[in-house]
Amino acid sequence: MSKMSELAMEVEELYNQGYNPYTISTILNVPIELVDNFIASFMEVSYNEDMDGDFDSAMTSAGHGTDEDYGYYGDSEF
């Protein structure tokens, strides 16, 4: 893992623990701009857990039929 990746993970961990960006930059001894950039990047791609399962549910109901309709009945052996 690269040093930048490790630093990004440390920033994210401290941020999730409630530290503000200025404190994080002081703890890690890095410029505040770098901390701000890391925080902005992982905030962009953060996962919204409120939607967890909604995609799977939508895809299931949008299907053309169930497995049984196509002759698949699980892992039973014939």
C-alpha atoms as a PDB file:
ATOM      1  CA  MET A   1       0.000   0.000   0.000  1.00  0.00           C
ATOM      2  CA  SER A   2       1.338   3.447  -0.833  1.00  0.00           C
ATOM      3  CA  LYS A   3       2.129   6.062   1.784  1.00  0.00           C
ATOM      4  CA  MET A   4      -0.650   8.302   0.403  1.00  0.00           C
ATOM      5  CA  SER A   5      -3.200   5.491   0.723  1.00  0.00           C
ATOM      6  CA  GLU A   6      -2.123   4.853   4.297  1.00  0.00           C
ATOM      7  CA  LEU A   7      -2.338   8.570   5.062  1.00  0.00           C
ATOM      8  CA  ALA A   8      -5.806   8.780   3.503  1.00  0.00           C
ATOM      9  CA  MET A   9      -6.967   5.882   5.675  1.00  0.00           C
ATOM     10  CA  GLU A  10      -5.569   7.553   8.793  1.00  0.00           C
ATOM     11  CA  VAL A  11      -7.332  10.813   7.903  1.00  0.00           C
ATOM     12  CA  GLU A  12     -10.627   8.996   7.354  1.00  0.00           C
ATOM     13  CA  GLU A  13     -10.285   7.078  10.615  1.00  0.00           C
ATOM     14  CA  LEU A  14      -9.581  10.236  12.644  1.00  0.00           C
ATOM     15  CA  TYR A  15     -12.378  12.118  10.878  1.00  0.00           C
ATOM     16  CA  ASN A  16     -14.840   9.324  11.657  1.00  0.00           C
ATOM     17  CA  GLN A  17     -13.751   9.504  15.300  1.00  0.00           C
ATOM     18  CA  GLY A  18     -14.926  13.120  15.356  1.00  0.00           C
ATOM     19  CA  TYR A  19     -11.693  15.046  14.921  1.00  0.00           C
ATOM     20  CA  ASN A  20     -11.904  18.239  12.862  1.00  0.00           C
ATOM     21  CA  PRO A  21      -9.607  18.715   9.828  1.00  0.00           C
ATOM     22  CA  TYR A  22      -7.309  21.179  11.597  1.00  0.00           C
ATOM     23  CA  THR A  23      -6.718  18.757  14.483  1.00  0.00           C
ATOM     24  CA  ILE A  24      -6.125  15.906  12.035  1.00  0.00           C
ATOM     25  CA  SER A  25      -3.507  17.932  10.159  1.00  0.00           C
ATOM     26  CA  THR A  26      -1.796  18.716  13.467  1.00  0.00           C
ATOM     27  CA  ILE A  27      -1.846  15.079  14.645  1.00  0.00           C
ATOM     28  CA  LEU A  28      -0.514  13.729  11.343  1.00  0.00           C
ATOM     29  CA  ASN A  29       1.781  16.710  10.695  1.00  0.00           C
ATOM     30  CA  VAL A  30       0.465  17.286   7.164  1.00  0.00           C
ATOM     31  CA  PRO A  31      -0.915  20.422   5.461  1.00  0.00           C
ATOM     32  CA  ILE A  32      -4.576  21.221   6.125  1.00  0.00           C
ATOM     33  CA  GLU A  33      -5.190  21.352   2.354  1.00  0.00           C
ATOM     34  CA  LEU A  34      -4.172  17.701   2.040  1.00  0.00           C
ATOM     35  CA  VAL A  35      -6.525  16.717   4.857  1.00  0.00           C
ATOM     36  CA  ASP A  36      -9.347  18.695   3.234  1.00  0.00           C
ATOM     37  CA  ASN A  37      -8.718  16.964  -0.108  1.00  0.00           C
ATOM     38  CA  PHE A  38      -8.785  13.512   1.490  1.00  0.00           C
ATOM     39  CA  ILE A  39     -12.006  14.298   3.347  1.00  0.00           C
ATOM     40  CA  ALA A  40     -13.635  15.671   0.187  1.00  0.00           C
ATOM     41  CA  SER A  41     -12.635  12.576  -1.788  1.00  0.00           C
ATOM     42  CA  PHE A  42     -14.026  10.027   0.633  1.00  0.00           C
ATOM     43  CA  MET A  43     -17.171  12.087   1.242  1.00  0.00           C
ATOM     44  CA  GLU A  44     -17.879  11.941  -2.517  1.00  0.00           C
ATOM     45  CA  VAL A  45     -17.827   8.163  -2.605  1.00  0.00           C
ATOM     46  CA  SER A  46     -19.327   7.454   0.789  1.00  0.00           C
ATOM     47  CA  TYR A  47     -22.062   4.839   0.824  1.00  0.00           C
ATOM     48  CA  ASN A  48     -25.532   5.812   1.931  1.00  0.00           C
ATOM     49  CA  GLU A  49     -26.726   2.938   4.118  1.00  0.00           C
ATOM     50  CA  ASP A  50     -30.318   4.224   3.977  1.00  0.00           C
ATOM     51  CA  MET A  51     -30.537   2.763   0.479  1.00  0.00           C
ATOM     52  CA  ASP A  52     -29.020  -0.607   1.406  1.00  0.00           C
ATOM     53  CA  GLY A  53     -31.000  -3.386  -0.223  1.00  0.00           C
ATOM     54  CA  ASP A  54     -33.225  -1.140  -2.312  1.00  0.00           C
ATOM     55  CA  PHE A  55     -31.289  -1.850  -5.505  1.00  0.00           C
ATOM     56  CA  ASP A  56     -31.458  -5.608  -4.966  1.00  0.00           C
ATOM     57  CA  SER A  57     -35.153  -5.366  -4.207  1.00  0.00           C
ATOM     58  CA  ALA A  58     -35.794  -3.339  -7.347  1.00  0.00           C
ATOM     59  CA  MET A  59     -33.779  -5.721  -9.506  1.00  0.00           C
ATOM     60  CA  THR A  60     -35.633  -8.718  -8.106  1.00  0.00           C
ATOM     61  CA  SER A  61     -39.037  -7.244  -8.856  1.00  0.00           C
ATOM     62  CA  ALA A  62     -37.909  -6.072 -12.302  1.00  0.00           C
ATOM     63  CA  GLY A  63     -36.902  -9.576 -13.363  1.00  0.00           C
ATOM     64  CA  HIS A  64     -38.686 -11.575 -16.017  1.00  0.00           C
ATOM     65  CA  GLY A  65     -39.452 -14.459 -13.710  1.00  0.00           C
ATOM     66  CA  THR A  66     -38.230 -16.479 -10.796  1.00  0.00           C
ATOM     67  CA  ASP A  67     -35.585 -19.172 -10.866  1.00  0.00           C
ATOM     68  CA  GLU A  68     -38.330 -21.760 -10.639  1.00  0.00           C
ATOM     69  CA  ASP A  69     -39.843 -20.395 -13.862  1.00  0.00           C
ATOM     70  CA  TYR A  70     -36.619 -21.377 -15.621  1.00  0.00           C
ATOM     71  CA  GLY A  71     -36.331 -24.810 -14.031  1.00  0.00           C
ATOM     72  CA  TYR A  72     -33.849 -23.975 -11.285  1.00  0.00           C
ATOM     73  CA  TYR A  73     -34.899 -25.189  -7.870  1.00  0.00           C
ATOM     74  CA  GLY A  74     -31.788 -24.554  -5.775  1.00  0.00           C
ATOM     75  CA  ASP A  75     -28.796 -26.730  -5.149  1.00  0.00           C
ATOM     76  CA  SER A  76     -30.705 -30.002  -5.105  1.00  0.00           C
ATOM     77  CA  GLU A  77     -28.935 -32.916  -6.769  1.00  0.00           C
ATOM     78  CA  PHE A  78     -30.699 -34.968  -9.382  1.00  0.00           C
END
